[in-house]
Amino acid sequence: MGVSIHHIDLAVSDVERSLAFYLGLLGPFGMREAGRFPTYRGTEDVVYLGYGDQYLGLRQADDGEYSYYGVGMEHLAFYVEKREDVDTAHGLALDMGVTIHFPPEEDRDIPGFYEMFVFDPDGFRIEVAYGPPELDPLRA
């Protein structure tokens, strides 16, 4: 029996706005709305986006503000199938008017990887990257 990450939930300030961001950026690569489920609090739904058997949940935050590089998530990475997909995602991000942290470029740490970083509507840093699986140091 193994272990895998099934889903990650983000607490966001506006679920529908975040849904539009993630589907706008990653929908062209197969991410889809997988389902909406009532939360235990009974006041809202959690919306799950899926790709294959991996899911990202969007939940309404109570209050507060995310701080990049504060205690918490540093960034969330999504890998695409082709190098050109990173450029396509960058174009989509520009069309949506989101804040670009780093435009598409060669990875600074891992040779052969190509990536870009943007901030979602709540300030979470999102990476879209391509790298040949045989060069991925985490899969070695």
C-alpha atoms as a PDB file:
ATOM      1  CA  MET A   1       0.000   0.000   0.000  1.00  0.00           C
ATOM      2  CA  GLY A   2       1.420   3.385  -0.995  1.00  0.00           C
ATOM      3  CA  VAL A   3       0.781   6.996  -0.203  1.00  0.00           C
ATOM      4  CA  SER A   4      -0.218   9.726  -2.633  1.00  0.00           C
ATOM      5  CA  ILE A   5      -1.563  13.233  -2.390  1.00  0.00           C
ATOM      6  CA  HIS A   6      -5.246  13.021  -3.268  1.00  0.00           C
ATOM      7  CA  HIS A   7      -6.204  16.665  -2.843  1.00  0.00           C
ATOM      8  CA  ILE A   8      -5.121  20.006  -1.450  1.00  0.00           C
ATOM      9  CA  ASP A   9      -7.683  22.577  -0.289  1.00  0.00           C
ATOM     10  CA  LEU A  10      -7.048  26.307  -0.412  1.00  0.00           C
ATOM     11  CA  ALA A  11      -9.005  28.780   1.719  1.00  0.00           C
ATOM     12  CA  VAL A  12      -9.736  31.647  -0.657  1.00  0.00           C
ATOM     13  CA  SER A  13     -11.432  35.016  -0.333  1.00  0.00           C
ATOM     14  CA  ASP A  14     -13.830  34.420  -3.253  1.00  0.00           C
ATOM     15  CA  VAL A  15     -14.419  30.853  -4.456  1.00  0.00           C
ATOM     16  CA  GLU A  16     -15.961  31.812  -7.798  1.00  0.00           C
ATOM     17  CA  ARG A  17     -13.146  34.262  -8.590  1.00  0.00           C
ATOM     18  CA  SER A  18     -10.540  31.612  -7.768  1.00  0.00           C
ATOM     19  CA  LEU A  19     -12.465  29.036  -9.787  1.00  0.00           C
ATOM     20  CA  ALA A  20     -12.349  31.350 -12.816  1.00  0.00           C
ATOM     21  CA  PHE A  21      -8.589  31.844 -12.322  1.00  0.00           C
ATOM     22  CA  TYR A  22      -7.676  28.143 -12.090  1.00  0.00           C
ATOM     23  CA  LEU A  23      -9.990  27.057 -14.906  1.00  0.00           C
ATOM     24  CA  GLY A  24      -8.793  29.967 -17.051  1.00  0.00           C
ATOM     25  CA  LEU A  25      -5.138  29.112 -16.485  1.00  0.00           C
ATOM     26  CA  LEU A  26      -5.278  25.309 -16.394  1.00  0.00           C
ATOM     27  CA  GLY A  27      -8.586  24.345 -18.037  1.00  0.00           C
ATOM     28  CA  PRO A  28      -7.005  24.262 -21.508  1.00  0.00           C
ATOM     29  CA  PHE A  29      -4.689  21.518 -20.221  1.00  0.00           C
ATOM     30  CA  GLY A  30      -7.482  19.309 -18.887  1.00  0.00           C
ATOM     31  CA  MET A  31      -8.275  20.684 -15.423  1.00  0.00           C
ATOM     32  CA  ARG A  32     -12.018  20.610 -14.834  1.00  0.00           C
ATOM     33  CA  GLU A  33     -14.561  21.224 -12.114  1.00  0.00           C
ATOM     34  CA  ALA A  34     -14.928  17.779 -10.535  1.00  0.00           C
ATOM     35  CA  GLY A  35     -17.639  18.483  -7.993  1.00  0.00           C
ATOM     36  CA  ARG A  36     -19.129  20.676  -5.291  1.00  0.00           C
ATOM     37  CA  PHE A  37     -19.800  19.353  -1.825  1.00  0.00           C
ATOM     38  CA  PRO A  38     -21.330  20.962   1.255  1.00  0.00           C
ATOM     39  CA  THR A  39     -18.831  21.592   4.034  1.00  0.00           C
ATOM     40  CA  TYR A  40     -19.303  20.493   7.616  1.00  0.00           C
ATOM     41  CA  ARG A  41     -20.013  24.147   8.460  1.00  0.00           C
ATOM     42  CA  GLY A  42     -23.155  24.016   6.346  1.00  0.00           C
ATOM     43  CA  THR A  43     -22.736  27.537   5.029  1.00  0.00           C
ATOM     44  CA  GLU A  44     -20.895  26.904   1.761  1.00  0.00           C
ATOM     45  CA  ASP A  45     -19.648  24.326  -0.701  1.00  0.00           C
ATOM     46  CA  VAL A  46     -16.090  23.271  -1.356  1.00  0.00           C
ATOM     47  CA  VAL A  47     -15.410  23.196  -5.102  1.00  0.00           C
ATOM     48  CA  TYR A  48     -12.968  20.571  -6.357  1.00  0.00           C
ATOM     49  CA  LEU A  49     -11.015  20.946  -9.562  1.00  0.00           C
ATOM     50  CA  GLY A  50      -9.536  17.768 -10.936  1.00  0.00           C
ATOM     51  CA  TYR A  51      -6.997  16.429 -13.337  1.00  0.00           C
ATOM     52  CA  GLY A  52      -6.844  12.657 -13.412  1.00  0.00           C
ATOM     53  CA  ASP A  53      -6.943  11.501  -9.804  1.00  0.00           C
ATOM     54  CA  GLN A  54      -5.510  14.717  -8.331  1.00  0.00           C
ATOM     55  CA  TYR A  55      -7.735  17.445  -6.931  1.00  0.00           C
ATOM     56  CA  LEU A  56      -7.515  21.048  -5.803  1.00  0.00           C
ATOM     57  CA  GLY A  57     -10.235  22.237  -3.448  1.00  0.00           C
ATOM     58  CA  LEU A  58     -11.377  25.828  -3.131  1.00  0.00           C
ATOM     59  CA  ARG A  59     -13.073  26.780   0.145  1.00  0.00           C
ATOM     60  CA  GLN A  60     -14.344  30.098   1.405  1.00  0.00           C
ATOM     61  CA  ALA A  61     -11.937  31.629   3.924  1.00  0.00           C
ATOM     62  CA  ASP A  62     -13.322  33.145   7.105  1.00  0.00           C
ATOM     63  CA  ASP A  63     -11.104  36.211   6.856  1.00  0.00           C
ATOM     64  CA  GLY A  64      -7.463  37.149   6.762  1.00  0.00           C
ATOM     65  CA  GLU A  65      -4.989  37.518   3.979  1.00  0.00           C
ATOM     66  CA  TYR A  66      -2.389  35.211   2.524  1.00  0.00           C
ATOM     67  CA  SER A  67       1.223  36.389   2.728  1.00  0.00           C
ATOM     68  CA  TYR A  68       3.693  35.049   0.178  1.00  0.00           C
ATOM     69  CA  TYR A  69       6.704  33.541   1.948  1.00  0.00           C
ATOM     70  CA  GLY A  70       5.030  33.778   5.315  1.00  0.00           C
ATOM     71  CA  VAL A  71       4.442  30.573   7.251  1.00  0.00           C
ATOM     72  CA  GLY A  72       2.314  28.446   4.967  1.00  0.00           C
ATOM     73  CA  MET A  73       2.459  27.377   1.351  1.00  0.00           C
ATOM     74  CA  GLU A  74       5.395  28.821  -0.621  1.00  0.00           C
ATOM     75  CA  HIS A  75       4.008  27.805  -4.018  1.00  0.00           C
ATOM     76  CA  LEU A  76       1.860  25.216  -5.766  1.00  0.00           C
ATOM     77  CA  ALA A  77       3.277  23.655  -8.942  1.00  0.00           C
ATOM     78  CA  PHE A  78       1.375  22.263 -11.910  1.00  0.00           C
ATOM     79  CA  TYR A  79       3.273  20.370 -14.607  1.00  0.00           C
ATOM     80  CA  VAL A  80       2.152  20.436 -18.224  1.00  0.00           C
ATOM     81  CA  GLU A  81       2.904  17.959 -21.021  1.00  0.00           C
ATOM     82  CA  LYS A  82       4.916  20.168 -23.382  1.00  0.00           C
ATOM     83  CA  ARG A  83       7.335  23.054 -23.047  1.00  0.00           C
ATOM     84  CA  GLU A  84       5.081  25.129 -25.326  1.00  0.00           C
ATOM     85  CA  ASP A  85       2.232  24.680 -22.826  1.00  0.00           C
ATOM     86  CA  VAL A  86       4.130  26.898 -20.375  1.00  0.00           C
ATOM     87  CA  ASP A  87       4.124  29.672 -22.979  1.00  0.00           C
ATOM     88  CA  THR A  88       0.413  29.069 -23.622  1.00  0.00           C
ATOM     89  CA  ALA A  89      -0.318  29.321 -19.880  1.00  0.00           C
ATOM     90  CA  HIS A  90       1.677  32.561 -19.745  1.00  0.00           C
ATOM     91  CA  GLY A  91      -0.461  33.989 -22.558  1.00  0.00           C
ATOM     92  CA  LEU A  92      -3.628  32.944 -20.735  1.00  0.00           C
ATOM     93  CA  ALA A  93      -2.374  34.586 -17.539  1.00  0.00           C
ATOM     94  CA  LEU A  94      -1.618  37.808 -19.430  1.00  0.00           C
ATOM     95  CA  ASP A  95      -5.096  37.722 -21.013  1.00  0.00           C
ATOM     96  CA  MET A  96      -6.645  37.342 -17.542  1.00  0.00           C
ATOM     97  CA  GLY A  97      -4.591  40.251 -16.210  1.00  0.00           C
ATOM     98  CA  VAL A  98      -3.078  38.293 -13.332  1.00  0.00           C
ATOM     99  CA  THR A  99       0.191  39.282 -11.669  1.00  0.00           C
ATOM    100  CA  ILE A 100       3.180  37.559 -13.261  1.00  0.00           C
ATOM    101  CA  HIS A 101       5.990  36.800 -10.812  1.00  0.00           C
ATOM    102  CA  PHE A 102       8.392  35.279 -13.367  1.00  0.00           C
ATOM    103  CA  PRO A 103       7.618  34.933 -17.083  1.00  0.00           C
ATOM    104  CA  PRO A 104       8.543  31.650 -18.807  1.00  0.00           C
ATOM    105  CA  GLU A 105      12.228  30.889 -18.360  1.00  0.00           C
ATOM    106  CA  GLU A 106      14.653  28.060 -17.842  1.00  0.00           C
ATOM    107  CA  ASP A 107      14.522  26.799 -14.272  1.00  0.00           C
ATOM    108  CA  ARG A 108      17.218  28.372 -12.118  1.00  0.00           C
ATOM    109  CA  ASP A 109      17.796  25.174 -10.134  1.00  0.00           C
ATOM    110  CA  ILE A 110      17.049  22.208 -12.410  1.00  0.00           C
ATOM    111  CA  PRO A 111      18.583  22.102 -15.907  1.00  0.00           C
ATOM    112  CA  GLY A 112      16.122  21.140 -18.639  1.00  0.00           C
ATOM    113  CA  PHE A 113      13.042  22.481 -16.843  1.00  0.00           C
ATOM    114  CA  TYR A 114      11.029  25.457 -18.121  1.00  0.00           C
ATOM    115  CA  GLU A 115       8.594  27.333 -15.914  1.00  0.00           C
ATOM    116  CA  MET A 116       6.645  30.450 -15.071  1.00  0.00           C
ATOM    117  CA  PHE A 117       5.165  31.783 -11.847  1.00  0.00           C
ATOM    118  CA  VAL A 118       2.021  33.853 -11.308  1.00  0.00           C
ATOM    119  CA  PHE A 119       0.008  34.909  -8.287  1.00  0.00           C
ATOM    120  CA  ASP A 120      -3.601  33.760  -7.965  1.00  0.00           C
ATOM    121  CA  PRO A 121      -6.292  36.241  -6.827  1.00  0.00           C
ATOM    122  CA  ASP A 122      -5.425  35.647  -3.153  1.00  0.00           C
ATOM    123  CA  GLY A 123      -1.659  35.902  -3.572  1.00  0.00           C
ATOM    124  CA  PHE A 124      -0.832  32.196  -3.678  1.00  0.00           C
ATOM    125  CA  ARG A 125       2.202  31.738  -5.949  1.00  0.00           C
ATOM    126  CA  ILE A 126       1.420  29.275  -8.741  1.00  0.00           C
ATOM    127  CA  GLU A 127       4.029  27.578 -10.929  1.00  0.00           C
ATOM    128  CA  VAL A 128       3.306  26.137 -14.358  1.00  0.00           C
ATOM    129  CA  ALA A 129       6.255  24.055 -15.544  1.00  0.00           C
ATOM    130  CA  TYR A 130       7.469  21.504 -18.024  1.00  0.00           C
ATOM    131  CA  GLY A 131      10.340  19.135 -17.460  1.00  0.00           C
ATOM    132  CA  PRO A 132      11.307  15.846 -19.016  1.00  0.00           C
ATOM    133  CA  PRO A 133      10.416  13.129 -16.476  1.00  0.00           C
ATOM    134  CA  GLU A 134      13.862  11.551 -16.784  1.00  0.00           C
ATOM    135  CA  LEU A 135      15.439  14.815 -15.514  1.00  0.00           C
ATOM    136  CA  ASP A 136      13.083  15.286 -12.568  1.00  0.00           C
ATOM    137  CA  PRO A 137      15.296  15.003  -9.447  1.00  0.00           C
ATOM    138  CA  LEU A 138      12.261  14.152  -7.308  1.00  0.00           C
ATOM    139  CA  ARG A 139      11.566  11.054  -9.404  1.00  0.00           C
ATOM    140  CA  ALA A 140      15.140   9.811  -9.491  1.00  0.00           C
END
